[in-house]
Amino acid sequence: MSKISYSLNHVSLIVADVEKSLEFYCRTFGLQQVDRPDFGFPGAWLQLGAQQIHLMELKNPDSVTGRPEHGGRDRHVALNVPDLSTVREILDKQGIVYTVSISGRKALFFRDPDGNAIEIIEQEF
């Protein structure tokens, strides 16, 4: 059997208000919005290196309440950065609550306005 090579193309997140989410992801974290086809519902695509985050304004089938306080114990998206201290400064300035990795790695977790868990990992590029 031949081995297949995979790479990540995009991650999709369900959001209640695409404009509020764009404020969070673009203005807070500096991600860039790119063109998106019309799928018949509001949404936005954000470029993240060679990958993308797709925001979809749809009814969320999952409860946004009762999620674990620590995002590492929930479904989450993990992003790499070269310096975690810069992310901490942004989160602190914006009043965004985060937890550090329980494993002791240089990583932290926080939630977006819709309760989606995001992990940021300090990793040399």
PDB file of N, CA and C in Angstrom:
ATOM      1  N   MET A   1       0.853  -1.175   0.000  1.00  0.00           N
ATOM      2  CA  MET A   1       0.000   0.000   0.000  1.00  0.00           C
ATOM      3  C   MET A   1       0.901   1.240   0.000  1.00  0.00           C
ATOM      4  N   SER A   2       0.607   2.205  -0.866  1.00  0.00           N
ATOM      5  CA  SER A   2       1.419   3.419  -0.881  1.00  0.00           C
ATOM      6  C   SER A   2       1.031   4.360   0.248  1.00  0.00           C
ATOM      7  N   LYS A   3       2.029   5.067   0.696  1.00  0.00           N
ATOM      8  CA  LYS A   3       1.828   6.022   1.783  1.00  0.00           C
ATOM      9  C   LYS A   3       1.320   7.343   1.200  1.00  0.00           C
ATOM     10  N   ILE A   4       0.308   7.907   1.845  1.00  0.00           N
ATOM     11  CA  ILE A   4      -0.270   9.173   1.396  1.00  0.00           C
ATOM     12  C   ILE A   4       0.280  10.286   2.271  1.00  0.00           C
ATOM     13  N   SER A   5       0.648  11.388   1.651  1.00  0.00           N
ATOM     14  CA  SER A   5       1.151  12.546   2.384  1.00  0.00           C
ATOM     15  C   SER A   5       0.015  13.553   2.565  1.00  0.00           C
ATOM     16  N   TYR A   6      -0.240  13.937   3.822  1.00  0.00           N
ATOM     17  CA  TYR A   6      -1.309  14.881   4.126  1.00  0.00           C
ATOM     18  C   TYR A   6      -0.737  16.188   4.643  1.00  0.00           C
ATOM     19  N   SER A   7      -1.462  17.248   4.454  1.00  0.00           N
ATOM     20  CA  SER A   7      -1.159  18.528   5.098  1.00  0.00           C
ATOM     21  C   SER A   7      -2.489  19.206   5.403  1.00  0.00           C
ATOM     22  N   LEU A   8      -2.477  20.091   6.373  1.00  0.00           N
ATOM     23  CA  LEU A   8      -3.706  20.768   6.777  1.00  0.00           C
ATOM     24  C   LEU A   8      -4.012  21.910   5.818  1.00  0.00           C
ATOM     25  N   ASN A   9      -5.256  21.954   5.339  1.00  0.00           N
ATOM     26  CA  ASN A   9      -5.690  23.014   4.438  1.00  0.00           C
ATOM     27  C   ASN A   9      -6.384  24.127   5.203  1.00  0.00           C
ATOM     28  N   HIS A  10      -7.392  23.777   5.999  1.00  0.00           N
ATOM     29  CA  HIS A  10      -8.104  24.788   6.781  1.00  0.00           C
ATOM     30  C   HIS A  10      -8.814  24.147   7.967  1.00  0.00           C
ATOM     31  N   VAL A  11      -9.210  24.998   8.884  1.00  0.00           N
ATOM     32  CA  VAL A  11     -10.021  24.632  10.034  1.00  0.00           C
ATOM     33  C   VAL A  11     -11.262  25.503   9.980  1.00  0.00           C
ATOM     34  N   SER A  12     -12.434  24.920  10.203  1.00  0.00           N
ATOM     35  CA  SER A  12     -13.675  25.688  10.203  1.00  0.00           C
ATOM     36  C   SER A  12     -14.206  25.818  11.618  1.00  0.00           C
ATOM     37  N   LEU A  13     -14.636  27.031  11.955  1.00  0.00           N
ATOM     38  CA  LEU A  13     -15.210  27.304  13.265  1.00  0.00           C
ATOM     39  C   LEU A  13     -16.597  27.898  13.085  1.00  0.00           C
ATOM     40  N   ILE A  14     -17.546  27.419  13.865  1.00  0.00           N
ATOM     41  CA  ILE A  14     -18.897  27.980  13.840  1.00  0.00           C
ATOM     42  C   ILE A  14     -18.929  29.183  14.772  1.00  0.00           C
ATOM     43  N   VAL A  15     -19.468  30.286  14.264  1.00  0.00           N
ATOM     44  CA  VAL A  15     -19.558  31.526  15.041  1.00  0.00           C
ATOM     45  C   VAL A  15     -20.980  32.070  14.982  1.00  0.00           C
ATOM     46  N   ALA A  16     -21.354  32.827  16.003  1.00  0.00           N
ATOM     47  CA  ALA A  16     -22.695  33.414  16.059  1.00  0.00           C
ATOM     48  C   ALA A  16     -22.772  34.732  15.294  1.00  0.00           C
ATOM     49  N   ASP A  17     -21.651  35.456  15.220  1.00  0.00           N
ATOM     50  CA  ASP A  17     -21.619  36.781  14.595  1.00  0.00           C
ATOM     51  C   ASP A  17     -20.270  36.929  13.896  1.00  0.00           C
ATOM     52  N   VAL A  18     -20.284  36.800  12.577  1.00  0.00           N
ATOM     53  CA  VAL A  18     -19.026  36.815  11.823  1.00  0.00           C
ATOM     54  C   VAL A  18     -18.265  38.134  12.001  1.00  0.00           C
ATOM     55  N   GLU A  19     -18.979  39.262  12.099  1.00  0.00           N
ATOM     56  CA  GLU A  19     -18.296  40.545  12.269  1.00  0.00           C
ATOM     57  C   GLU A  19     -17.582  40.609  13.621  1.00  0.00           C
ATOM     58  N   LYS A  20     -18.219  40.132  14.663  1.00  0.00           N
ATOM     59  CA  LYS A  20     -17.597  40.086  15.994  1.00  0.00           C
ATOM     60  C   LYS A  20     -16.368  39.172  15.966  1.00  0.00           C
ATOM     61  N   SER A  21     -16.473  38.053  15.272  1.00  0.00           N
ATOM     62  CA  SER A  21     -15.346  37.128  15.165  1.00  0.00           C
ATOM     63  C   SER A  21     -14.214  37.720  14.339  1.00  0.00           C
ATOM     64  N   LEU A  22     -14.542  38.466  13.289  1.00  0.00           N
ATOM     65  CA  LEU A  22     -13.503  39.133  12.502  1.00  0.00           C
ATOM     66  C   LEU A  22     -12.752  40.147  13.366  1.00  0.00           C
ATOM     67  N   GLU A  23     -13.481  40.864  14.202  1.00  0.00           N
ATOM     68  CA  GLU A  23     -12.841  41.810  15.135  1.00  0.00           C
ATOM     69  C   GLU A  23     -11.846  41.055  16.016  1.00  0.00           C
ATOM     70  N   PHE A  24     -12.261  39.928  16.530  1.00  0.00           N
ATOM     71  CA  PHE A  24     -11.421  39.127  17.420  1.00  0.00           C
ATOM     72  C   PHE A  24     -10.180  38.602  16.691  1.00  0.00           C
ATOM     73  N   TYR A  25     -10.370  37.948  15.568  1.00  0.00           N
ATOM     74  CA  TYR A  25      -9.253  37.296  14.880  1.00  0.00           C
ATOM     75  C   TYR A  25      -8.374  38.267  14.080  1.00  0.00           C
ATOM     76  N   CYS A  26      -8.977  39.241  13.408  1.00  0.00           N
ATOM     77  CA  CYS A  26      -8.197  40.160  12.570  1.00  0.00           C
ATOM     78  C   CYS A  26      -7.579  41.295  13.376  1.00  0.00           C
ATOM     79  N   ARG A  27      -8.389  41.991  14.133  1.00  0.00           N
ATOM     80  CA  ARG A  27      -7.877  43.171  14.830  1.00  0.00           C
ATOM     81  C   ARG A  27      -7.070  42.803  16.064  1.00  0.00           C
ATOM     82  N   THR A  28      -7.460  41.752  16.766  1.00  0.00           N
ATOM     83  CA  THR A  28      -6.725  41.355  17.960  1.00  0.00           C
ATOM     84  C   THR A  28      -5.456  40.597  17.604  1.00  0.00           C
ATOM     85  N   PHE A  29      -5.520  39.680  16.633  1.00  0.00           N
ATOM     86  CA  PHE A  29      -4.389  38.817  16.328  1.00  0.00           C
ATOM     87  C   PHE A  29      -3.729  39.075  14.984  1.00  0.00           C
ATOM     88  N   GLY A  30      -4.254  40.024  14.218  1.00  0.00           N
ATOM     89  CA  GLY A  30      -3.592  40.414  12.979  1.00  0.00           C
ATOM     90  C   GLY A  30      -3.756  39.456  11.814  1.00  0.00           C
ATOM     91  N   LEU A  31      -4.735  38.558  11.863  1.00  0.00           N
ATOM     92  CA  LEU A  31      -4.955  37.671  10.723  1.00  0.00           C
ATOM     93  C   LEU A  31      -5.588  38.459   9.584  1.00  0.00           C
ATOM     94  N   GLN A  32      -5.340  38.040   8.356  1.00  0.00           N
ATOM     95  CA  GLN A  32      -5.835  38.746   7.181  1.00  0.00           C
ATOM     96  C   GLN A  32      -7.010  38.005   6.558  1.00  0.00           C
ATOM     97  N   GLN A  33      -8.091  38.753   6.299  1.00  0.00           N
ATOM     98  CA  GLN A  33      -9.255  38.183   5.632  1.00  0.00           C
ATOM     99  C   GLN A  33      -8.960  38.063   4.139  1.00  0.00           C
ATOM    100  N   VAL A  34      -9.365  36.947   3.537  1.00  0.00           N
ATOM    101  CA  VAL A  34      -9.188  36.733   2.097  1.00  0.00           C
ATOM    102  C   VAL A  34     -10.549  36.445   1.478  1.00  0.00           C
ATOM    103  N   ASP A  35     -10.606  36.501   0.143  1.00  0.00           N
ATOM    104  CA  ASP A  35     -11.867  36.276  -0.573  1.00  0.00           C
ATOM    105  C   ASP A  35     -12.443  34.904  -0.267  1.00  0.00           C
ATOM    106  N   ARG A  36     -13.768  34.868  -0.245  1.00  0.00           N
ATOM    107  CA  ARG A  36     -14.508  33.644   0.058  1.00  0.00           C
ATOM    108  C   ARG A  36     -15.688  33.560  -0.906  1.00  0.00           C
ATOM    109  N   PRO A  37     -15.943  32.387  -1.490  1.00  0.00           N
ATOM    110  CA  PRO A  37     -17.128  32.243  -2.338  1.00  0.00           C
ATOM    111  C   PRO A  37     -18.404  32.420  -1.520  1.00  0.00           C
ATOM    112  N   ASP A  38     -19.498  32.715  -2.197  1.00  0.00           N
ATOM    113  CA  ASP A  38     -20.794  32.835  -1.534  1.00  0.00           C
ATOM    114  C   ASP A  38     -21.384  31.436  -1.368  1.00  0.00           C
ATOM    115  N   PHE A  39     -21.502  31.010  -0.119  1.00  0.00           N
ATOM    116  CA  PHE A  39     -22.064  29.702   0.180  1.00  0.00           C
ATOM    117  C   PHE A  39     -23.524  29.793   0.626  1.00  0.00           C
ATOM    118  N   GLY A  40     -24.094  30.982   0.595  1.00  0.00           N
ATOM    119  CA  GLY A  40     -25.483  31.143   0.992  1.00  0.00           C
ATOM    120  C   GLY A  40     -25.662  31.394   2.480  1.00  0.00           C
ATOM    121  N   PHE A  41     -24.577  31.566   3.208  1.00  0.00           N
ATOM    122  CA  PHE A  41     -24.624  31.939   4.628  1.00  0.00           C
ATOM    123  C   PHE A  41     -23.406  32.816   4.908  1.00  0.00           C
ATOM    124  N   PRO A  42     -23.511  33.687   5.913  1.00  0.00           N
ATOM    125  CA  PRO A  42     -22.389  34.571   6.228  1.00  0.00           C
ATOM    126  C   PRO A  42     -21.167  33.790   6.705  1.00  0.00           C
ATOM    127  N   GLY A  43     -20.025  34.318   6.389  1.00  0.00           N
ATOM    128  CA  GLY A  43     -18.783  33.703   6.821  1.00  0.00           C
ATOM    129  C   GLY A  43     -17.593  34.504   6.351  1.00  0.00           C
ATOM    130  N   ALA A  44     -16.416  34.048   6.715  1.00  0.00           N
ATOM    131  CA  ALA A  44     -15.185  34.711   6.310  1.00  0.00           C
ATOM    132  C   ALA A  44     -14.054  33.698   6.332  1.00  0.00           C
ATOM    133  N   TRP A  45     -13.069  33.924   5.468  1.00  0.00           N
ATOM    134  CA  TRP A  45     -11.871  33.105   5.448  1.00  0.00           C
ATOM    135  C   TRP A  45     -10.695  33.975   5.889  1.00  0.00           C
ATOM    136  N   LEU A  46      -9.872  33.417   6.753  1.00  0.00           N
ATOM    137  CA  LEU A  46      -8.703  34.124   7.262  1.00  0.00           C
ATOM    138  C   LEU A  46      -7.454  33.352   6.883  1.00  0.00           C
ATOM    139  N   GLN A  47      -6.458  34.065   6.346  1.00  0.00           N
ATOM    140  CA  GLN A  47      -5.213  33.407   5.959  1.00  0.00           C
ATOM    141  C   GLN A  47      -4.318  33.258   7.173  1.00  0.00           C
ATOM    142  N   LEU A  48      -3.723  32.082   7.310  1.00  0.00           N
ATOM    143  CA  LEU A  48      -2.852  31.759   8.437  1.00  0.00           C
ATOM    144  C   LEU A  48      -1.675  30.983   7.862  1.00  0.00           C
ATOM    145  N   GLY A  49      -0.655  31.707   7.377  1.00  0.00           N
ATOM    146  CA  GLY A  49       0.434  31.039   6.663  1.00  0.00           C
ATOM    147  C   GLY A  49      -0.114  30.426   5.390  1.00  0.00           C
ATOM    148  N   ALA A  50       0.185  29.148   5.165  1.00  0.00           N
ATOM    149  CA  ALA A  50      -0.325  28.453   3.983  1.00  0.00           C
ATOM    150  C   ALA A  50      -1.718  27.876   4.226  1.00  0.00           C
ATOM    151  N   GLN A  51      -2.201  27.964   5.457  1.00  0.00           N
ATOM    152  CA  GLN A  51      -3.507  27.428   5.815  1.00  0.00           C
ATOM    153  C   GLN A  51      -4.509  28.559   6.050  1.00  0.00           C
ATOM    154  N   GLN A  52      -5.741  28.161   6.343  1.00  0.00           N
ATOM    155  CA  GLN A  52      -6.791  29.143   6.599  1.00  0.00           C
ATOM    156  C   GLN A  52      -7.652  28.715   7.781  1.00  0.00           C
ATOM    157  N   ILE A  53      -8.293  29.717   8.382  1.00  0.00           N
ATOM    158  CA  ILE A  53      -9.369  29.497   9.332  1.00  0.00           C
ATOM    159  C   ILE A  53     -10.639  29.976   8.650  1.00  0.00           C
ATOM    160  N   HIS A  54     -11.643  29.124   8.584  1.00  0.00           N
ATOM    161  CA  HIS A  54     -12.924  29.492   7.988  1.00  0.00           C
ATOM    162  C   HIS A  54     -13.924  29.738   9.105  1.00  0.00           C
ATOM    163  N   LEU A  55     -14.495  30.921   9.122  1.00  0.00           N
ATOM    164  CA  LEU A  55     -15.535  31.275  10.090  1.00  0.00           C
ATOM    165  C   LEU A  55     -16.882  31.107   9.402  1.00  0.00           C
ATOM    166  N   MET A  56     -17.770  30.354  10.023  1.00  0.00           N
ATOM    167  CA  MET A  56     -19.084  30.086   9.443  1.00  0.00           C
ATOM    168  C   MET A  56     -20.163  30.525  10.416  1.00  0.00           C
ATOM    169  N   GLU A  57     -20.956  31.499  10.004  1.00  0.00           N
ATOM    170  CA  GLU A  57     -22.057  31.977  10.850  1.00  0.00           C
ATOM    171  C   GLU A  57     -23.266  31.077  10.613  1.00  0.00           C
ATOM    172  N   LEU A  58     -23.323  30.042  11.434  1.00  0.00           N
ATOM    173  CA  LEU A  58     -24.388  29.041  11.339  1.00  0.00           C
ATOM    174  C   LEU A  58     -24.885  28.698  12.735  1.00  0.00           C
ATOM    175  N   LYS A  59     -26.038  28.060  12.803  1.00  0.00           N
ATOM    176  CA  LYS A  59     -26.538  27.599  14.092  1.00  0.00           C
ATOM    177  C   LYS A  59     -25.562  26.549  14.623  1.00  0.00           C
ATOM    178  N   ASN A  60     -25.136  26.731  15.857  1.00  0.00           N
ATOM    179  CA  ASN A  60     -24.156  25.833  16.458  1.00  0.00           C
ATOM    180  C   ASN A  60     -24.867  24.609  17.044  1.00  0.00           C
ATOM    181  N   PRO A  61     -24.540  23.397  16.565  1.00  0.00           N
ATOM    182  CA  PRO A  61     -25.165  22.199  17.117  1.00  0.00           C
ATOM    183  C   PRO A  61     -24.586  21.796  18.479  1.00  0.00           C
ATOM    184  N   ASP A  62     -23.475  22.417  18.873  1.00  0.00           N
ATOM    185  CA  ASP A  62     -22.821  22.093  20.147  1.00  0.00           C
ATOM    186  C   ASP A  62     -23.143  23.152  21.196  1.00  0.00           C
ATOM    187  N   SER A  63     -23.255  22.734  22.418  1.00  0.00           N
ATOM    188  CA  SER A  63     -23.462  23.672  23.510  1.00  0.00           C
ATOM    189  C   SER A  63     -22.197  24.494  23.730  1.00  0.00           C
ATOM    190  N   VAL A  64     -22.352  25.786  23.914  1.00  0.00           N
ATOM    191  CA  VAL A  64     -21.186  26.628  24.205  1.00  0.00           C
ATOM    192  C   VAL A  64     -21.016  26.808  25.710  1.00  0.00           C
ATOM    193  N   THR A  65     -21.924  26.246  26.481  1.00  0.00           N
ATOM    194  CA  THR A  65     -21.794  26.296  27.935  1.00  0.00           C
ATOM    195  C   THR A  65     -21.353  24.930  28.448  1.00  0.00           C
ATOM    196  N   GLY A  66     -20.802  24.921  29.648  1.00  0.00           N
ATOM    197  CA  GLY A  66     -20.391  23.673  30.261  1.00  0.00           C
ATOM    198  C   GLY A  66     -19.099  23.098  29.718  1.00  0.00           C
ATOM    199  N   ARG A  67     -18.374  23.891  28.957  1.00  0.00           N
ATOM    200  CA  ARG A  67     -17.100  23.418  28.415  1.00  0.00           C
ATOM    201  C   ARG A  67     -16.028  23.473  29.500  1.00  0.00           C
ATOM    202  N   PRO A  68     -14.987  22.648  29.393  1.00  0.00           N
ATOM    203  CA  PRO A  68     -13.924  22.676  30.402  1.00  0.00           C
ATOM    204  C   PRO A  68     -13.277  24.057  30.476  1.00  0.00           C
ATOM    205  N   GLU A  69     -12.876  24.463  31.666  1.00  0.00           N
ATOM    206  CA  GLU A  69     -12.206  25.755  31.817  1.00  0.00           C
ATOM    207  C   GLU A  69     -10.917  25.776  31.003  1.00  0.00           C
ATOM    208  N   HIS A  70     -10.185  24.674  31.034  1.00  0.00           N
ATOM    209  CA  HIS A  70      -8.924  24.578  30.303  1.00  0.00           C
ATOM    210  C   HIS A  70      -9.206  24.045  28.898  1.00  0.00           C
ATOM    211  N   GLY A  71      -8.925  24.854  27.885  1.00  0.00           N
ATOM    212  CA  GLY A  71      -9.229  24.490  26.504  1.00  0.00           C
ATOM    213  C   GLY A  71      -8.512  23.255  26.003  1.00  0.00           C
ATOM    214  N   GLY A  72      -7.431  22.841  26.681  1.00  0.00           N
ATOM    215  CA  GLY A  72      -6.720  21.644  26.275  1.00  0.00           C
ATOM    216  C   GLY A  72      -7.505  20.372  26.519  1.00  0.00           C
ATOM    217  N   ARG A  73      -8.587  20.501  27.249  1.00  0.00           N
ATOM    218  CA  ARG A  73      -9.438  19.338  27.517  1.00  0.00           C
ATOM    219  C   ARG A  73     -10.736  19.422  26.723  1.00  0.00           C
ATOM    220  N   ASP A  74     -10.668  20.120  25.613  1.00  0.00           N
ATOM    221  CA  ASP A  74     -11.806  20.316  24.722  1.00  0.00           C
ATOM    222  C   ASP A  74     -11.268  20.226  23.286  1.00  0.00           C
ATOM    223  N   ARG A  75     -12.166  20.105  22.319  1.00  0.00           N
ATOM    224  CA  ARG A  75     -11.711  20.212  20.922  1.00  0.00           C
ATOM    225  C   ARG A  75     -11.071  21.576  20.775  1.00  0.00           C
ATOM    226  N   HIS A  76      -9.973  21.658  20.040  1.00  0.00           N
ATOM    227  CA  HIS A  76      -9.314  22.948  19.893  1.00  0.00           C
ATOM    228  C   HIS A  76      -8.460  22.996  18.631  1.00  0.00           C
ATOM    229  N   VAL A  77      -8.119  24.206  18.252  1.00  0.00           N
ATOM    230  CA  VAL A  77      -7.205  24.473  17.150  1.00  0.00           C
ATOM    231  C   VAL A  77      -5.891  24.895  17.786  1.00  0.00           C
ATOM    232  N   ALA A  78      -4.774  24.350  17.317  1.00  0.00           N
ATOM    233  CA  ALA A  78      -3.466  24.701  17.857  1.00  0.00           C
ATOM    234  C   ALA A  78      -2.657  25.445  16.797  1.00  0.00           C
ATOM    235  N   LEU A  79      -2.135  26.604  17.191  1.00  0.00           N
ATOM    236  CA  LEU A  79      -1.339  27.441  16.296  1.00  0.00           C
ATOM    237  C   LEU A  79       0.066  27.608  16.871  1.00  0.00           C
ATOM    238  N   ASN A  80       1.064  27.689  16.002  1.00  0.00           N
ATOM    239  CA  ASN A  80       2.442  27.907  16.424  1.00  0.00           C
ATOM    240  C   ASN A  80       2.807  29.381  16.317  1.00  0.00           C
ATOM    241  N   VAL A  81       3.595  29.861  17.254  1.00  0.00           N
ATOM    242  CA  VAL A  81       4.185  31.199  17.209  1.00  0.00           C
ATOM    243  C   VAL A  81       5.631  31.082  17.672  1.00  0.00           C
ATOM    244  N   PRO A  82       6.495  31.994  17.204  1.00  0.00           N
ATOM    245  CA  PRO A  82       7.892  31.930  17.647  1.00  0.00           C
ATOM    246  C   PRO A  82       8.114  32.475  19.054  1.00  0.00           C
ATOM    247  N   ASP A  83       7.174  33.308  19.552  1.00  0.00           N
ATOM    248  CA  ASP A  83       7.362  33.936  20.858  1.00  0.00           C
ATOM    249  C   ASP A  83       6.018  34.048  21.572  1.00  0.00           C
ATOM    250  N   LEU A  84       5.831  33.261  22.605  1.00  0.00           N
ATOM    251  CA  LEU A  84       4.570  33.228  23.336  1.00  0.00           C
ATOM    252  C   LEU A  84       4.335  34.496  24.148  1.00  0.00           C
ATOM    253  N   SER A  85       5.403  35.198  24.540  1.00  0.00           N
ATOM    254  CA  SER A  85       5.234  36.389  25.380  1.00  0.00           C
ATOM    255  C   SER A  85       4.450  37.483  24.650  1.00  0.00           C
ATOM    256  N   THR A  86       4.616  37.594  23.352  1.00  0.00           N
ATOM    257  CA  THR A  86       3.868  38.588  22.581  1.00  0.00           C
ATOM    258  C   THR A  86       2.376  38.270  22.609  1.00  0.00           C
ATOM    259  N   VAL A  87       2.036  36.999  22.491  1.00  0.00           N
ATOM    260  CA  VAL A  87       0.630  36.587  22.544  1.00  0.00           C
ATOM    261  C   VAL A  87       0.063  36.880  23.931  1.00  0.00           C
ATOM    262  N   ARG A  88       0.830  36.595  24.963  1.00  0.00           N
ATOM    263  CA  ARG A  88       0.370  36.889  26.336  1.00  0.00           C
ATOM    264  C   ARG A  88       0.063  38.382  26.491  1.00  0.00           C
ATOM    265  N   GLU A  89       0.921  39.221  25.953  1.00  0.00           N
ATOM    266  CA  GLU A  89       0.702  40.674  26.034  1.00  0.00           C
ATOM    267  C   GLU A  89      -0.611  41.064  25.355  1.00  0.00           C
ATOM    268  N   ILE A  90      -0.854  40.497  24.182  1.00  0.00           N
ATOM    269  CA  ILE A  90      -2.093  40.796  23.448  1.00  0.00           C
ATOM    270  C   ILE A  90      -3.303  40.336  24.255  1.00  0.00           C
ATOM    271  N   LEU A  91      -3.244  39.110  24.762  1.00  0.00           N
ATOM    272  CA  LEU A  91      -4.372  38.576  25.532  1.00  0.00           C
ATOM    273  C   LEU A  91      -4.616  39.402  26.791  1.00  0.00           C
ATOM    274  N   ASP A  92      -3.541  39.746  27.507  1.00  0.00           N
ATOM    275  CA  ASP A  92      -3.679  40.558  28.719  1.00  0.00           C
ATOM    276  C   ASP A  92      -4.277  41.927  28.401  1.00  0.00           C
ATOM    277  N   LYS A  93      -3.790  42.546  27.335  1.00  0.00           N
ATOM    278  CA  LYS A  93      -4.277  43.878  26.938  1.00  0.00           C
ATOM    279  C   LYS A  93      -5.760  43.842  26.578  1.00  0.00           C
ATOM    280  N   GLN A  94      -6.196  42.751  25.943  1.00  0.00           N
ATOM    281  CA  GLN A  94      -7.590  42.612  25.519  1.00  0.00           C
ATOM    282  C   GLN A  94      -8.481  42.048  26.625  1.00  0.00           C
ATOM    283  N   GLY A  95      -7.890  41.680  27.764  1.00  0.00           N
ATOM    284  CA  GLY A  95      -8.683  41.106  28.857  1.00  0.00           C
ATOM    285  C   GLY A  95      -9.187  39.704  28.560  1.00  0.00           C
ATOM    286  N   ILE A  96      -8.465  38.975  27.700  1.00  0.00           N
ATOM    287  CA  ILE A  96      -8.860  37.625  27.320  1.00  0.00           C
ATOM    288  C   ILE A  96      -8.245  36.645  28.313  1.00  0.00           C
ATOM    289  N   VAL A  97      -9.088  35.862  28.953  1.00  0.00           N
ATOM    290  CA  VAL A  97      -8.646  34.891  29.955  1.00  0.00           C
ATOM    291  C   VAL A  97      -8.001  33.705  29.253  1.00  0.00           C
ATOM    292  N   TYR A  98      -6.871  33.245  29.786  1.00  0.00           N
ATOM    293  CA  TYR A  98      -6.204  32.075  29.224  1.00  0.00           C
ATOM    294  C   TYR A  98      -5.638  31.219  30.343  1.00  0.00           C
ATOM    295  N   THR A  99      -5.350  29.968  30.001  1.00  0.00           N
ATOM    296  CA  THR A  99      -4.688  29.051  30.933  1.00  0.00           C
ATOM    297  C   THR A  99      -3.417  28.558  30.254  1.00  0.00           C
ATOM    298  N   VAL A 100      -2.425  28.214  31.065  1.00  0.00           N
ATOM    299  CA  VAL A 100      -1.180  27.684  30.509  1.00  0.00           C
ATOM    300  C   VAL A 100      -1.298  26.165  30.403  1.00  0.00           C
ATOM    301  N   SER A 101      -0.473  25.597  29.580  1.00  0.00           N
ATOM    302  CA  SER A 101      -0.504  24.160  29.358  1.00  0.00           C
ATOM    303  C   SER A 101      -0.239  23.403  30.651  1.00  0.00           C
ATOM    304  N   ILE A 102      -1.081  22.441  30.931  1.00  0.00           N
ATOM    305  CA  ILE A 102      -0.938  21.606  32.122  1.00  0.00           C
ATOM    306  C   ILE A 102       0.300  20.722  32.007  1.00  0.00           C
ATOM    307  N   SER A 103       0.733  20.424  30.772  1.00  0.00           N
ATOM    308  CA  SER A 103       1.872  19.537  30.547  1.00  0.00           C
ATOM    309  C   SER A 103       3.218  20.204  30.832  1.00  0.00           C
ATOM    310  N   GLY A 104       3.204  21.520  30.982  1.00  0.00           N
ATOM    311  CA  GLY A 104       4.456  22.238  31.193  1.00  0.00           C
ATOM    312  C   GLY A 104       5.083  22.751  29.901  1.00  0.00           C
ATOM    313  N   ARG A 105       4.490  22.427  28.766  1.00  0.00           N
ATOM    314  CA  ARG A 105       4.996  22.961  27.495  1.00  0.00           C
ATOM    315  C   ARG A 105       4.798  24.466  27.450  1.00  0.00           C
ATOM    316  N   LYS A 106       5.510  25.144  26.572  1.00  0.00           N
ATOM    317  CA  LYS A 106       5.311  26.575  26.376  1.00  0.00           C
ATOM    318  C   LYS A 106       4.087  26.743  25.474  1.00  0.00           C
ATOM    319  N   ALA A 107       2.925  26.719  26.106  1.00  0.00           N
ATOM    320  CA  ALA A 107       1.671  26.810  25.367  1.00  0.00           C
ATOM    321  C   ALA A 107       0.598  27.379  26.280  1.00  0.00           C
ATOM    322  N   LEU A 108      -0.401  28.016  25.668  1.00  0.00           N
ATOM    323  CA  LEU A 108      -1.543  28.516  26.430  1.00  0.00           C
ATOM    324  C   LEU A 108      -2.815  28.296  25.639  1.00  0.00           C
ATOM    325  N   PHE A 109      -3.932  28.362  26.352  1.00  0.00           N
ATOM    326  CA  PHE A 109      -5.246  28.112  25.769  1.00  0.00           C
ATOM    327  C   PHE A 109      -6.192  29.248  26.128  1.00  0.00           C
ATOM    328  N   PHE A 110      -7.043  29.625  25.192  1.00  0.00           N
ATOM    329  CA  PHE A 110      -8.097  30.603  25.447  1.00  0.00           C
ATOM    330  C   PHE A 110      -9.259  30.274  24.531  1.00  0.00           C
ATOM    331  N   ARG A 111     -10.357  30.987  24.719  1.00  0.00           N
ATOM    332  CA  ARG A 111     -11.546  30.766  23.893  1.00  0.00           C
ATOM    333  C   ARG A 111     -11.894  32.031  23.120  1.00  0.00           C
ATOM    334  N   ASP A 112     -12.407  31.834  21.915  1.00  0.00           N
ATOM    335  CA  ASP A 112     -12.876  32.967  21.129  1.00  0.00           C
ATOM    336  C   ASP A 112     -14.261  33.362  21.640  1.00  0.00           C
ATOM    337  N   PRO A 113     -14.881  34.407  21.080  1.00  0.00           N
ATOM    338  CA  PRO A 113     -16.186  34.856  21.589  1.00  0.00           C
ATOM    339  C   PRO A 113     -17.288  33.791  21.542  1.00  0.00           C
ATOM    340  N   ASP A 114     -17.090  32.729  20.742  1.00  0.00           N
ATOM    341  CA  ASP A 114     -18.097  31.679  20.623  1.00  0.00           C
ATOM    342  C   ASP A 114     -17.738  30.421  21.405  1.00  0.00           C
ATOM    343  N   GLY A 115     -16.693  30.494  22.224  1.00  0.00           N
ATOM    344  CA  GLY A 115     -16.316  29.354  23.054  1.00  0.00           C
ATOM    345  C   GLY A 115     -15.404  28.354  22.370  1.00  0.00           C
ATOM    346  N   ASN A 116     -14.985  28.636  21.125  1.00  0.00           N
ATOM    347  CA  ASN A 116     -14.039  27.754  20.451  1.00  0.00           C
ATOM    348  C   ASN A 116     -12.684  27.860  21.141  1.00  0.00           C
ATOM    349  N   ALA A 117     -12.081  26.719  21.479  1.00  0.00           N
ATOM    350  CA  ALA A 117     -10.792  26.715  22.172  1.00  0.00           C
ATOM    351  C   ALA A 117      -9.644  26.858  21.169  1.00  0.00           C
ATOM    352  N   ILE A 118      -8.705  27.731  21.507  1.00  0.00           N
ATOM    353  CA  ILE A 118      -7.520  27.984  20.690  1.00  0.00           C
ATOM    354  C   ILE A 118      -6.293  27.721  21.556  1.00  0.00           C
ATOM    355  N   GLU A 119      -5.355  26.961  21.037  1.00  0.00           N
ATOM    356  CA  GLU A 119      -4.082  26.728  21.709  1.00  0.00           C
ATOM    357  C   GLU A 119      -2.998  27.460  20.935  1.00  0.00           C
ATOM    358  N   ILE A 120      -2.124  28.138  21.636  1.00  0.00           N
ATOM    359  CA  ILE A 120      -0.975  28.793  21.012  1.00  0.00           C
ATOM    360  C   ILE A 120       0.277  28.147  21.604  1.00  0.00           C
ATOM    361  N   ILE A 121       1.132  27.634  20.730  1.00  0.00           N
ATOM    362  CA  ILE A 121       2.338  26.920  21.149  1.00  0.00           C
ATOM    363  C   ILE A 121       3.573  27.700  20.706  1.00  0.00           C
ATOM    364  N   GLU A 122       4.496  27.926  21.629  1.00  0.00           N
ATOM    365  CA  GLU A 122       5.762  28.550  21.266  1.00  0.00           C
ATOM    366  C   GLU A 122       6.632  27.477  20.619  1.00  0.00           C
ATOM    367  N   GLN A 123       7.027  27.748  19.381  1.00  0.00           N
ATOM    368  CA  GLN A 123       7.805  26.769  18.634  1.00  0.00           C
ATOM    369  C   GLN A 123       8.725  27.494  17.670  1.00  0.00           C
ATOM    370  N   GLU A 124       9.973  27.123  17.669  1.00  0.00           N
ATOM    371  CA  GLU A 124      10.923  27.732  16.744  1.00  0.00           C
ATOM    372  C   GLU A 124      10.580  27.327  15.325  1.00  0.00           C
ATOM    373  N   PHE A 125      10.673  28.278  14.423  1.00  0.00           N
ATOM    374  CA  PHE A 125      10.358  28.002  13.006  1.00  0.00           C
ATOM    375  C   PHE A 125      11.630  27.726  12.247  1.00  0.00           C
TER     376      PHE A 125
END
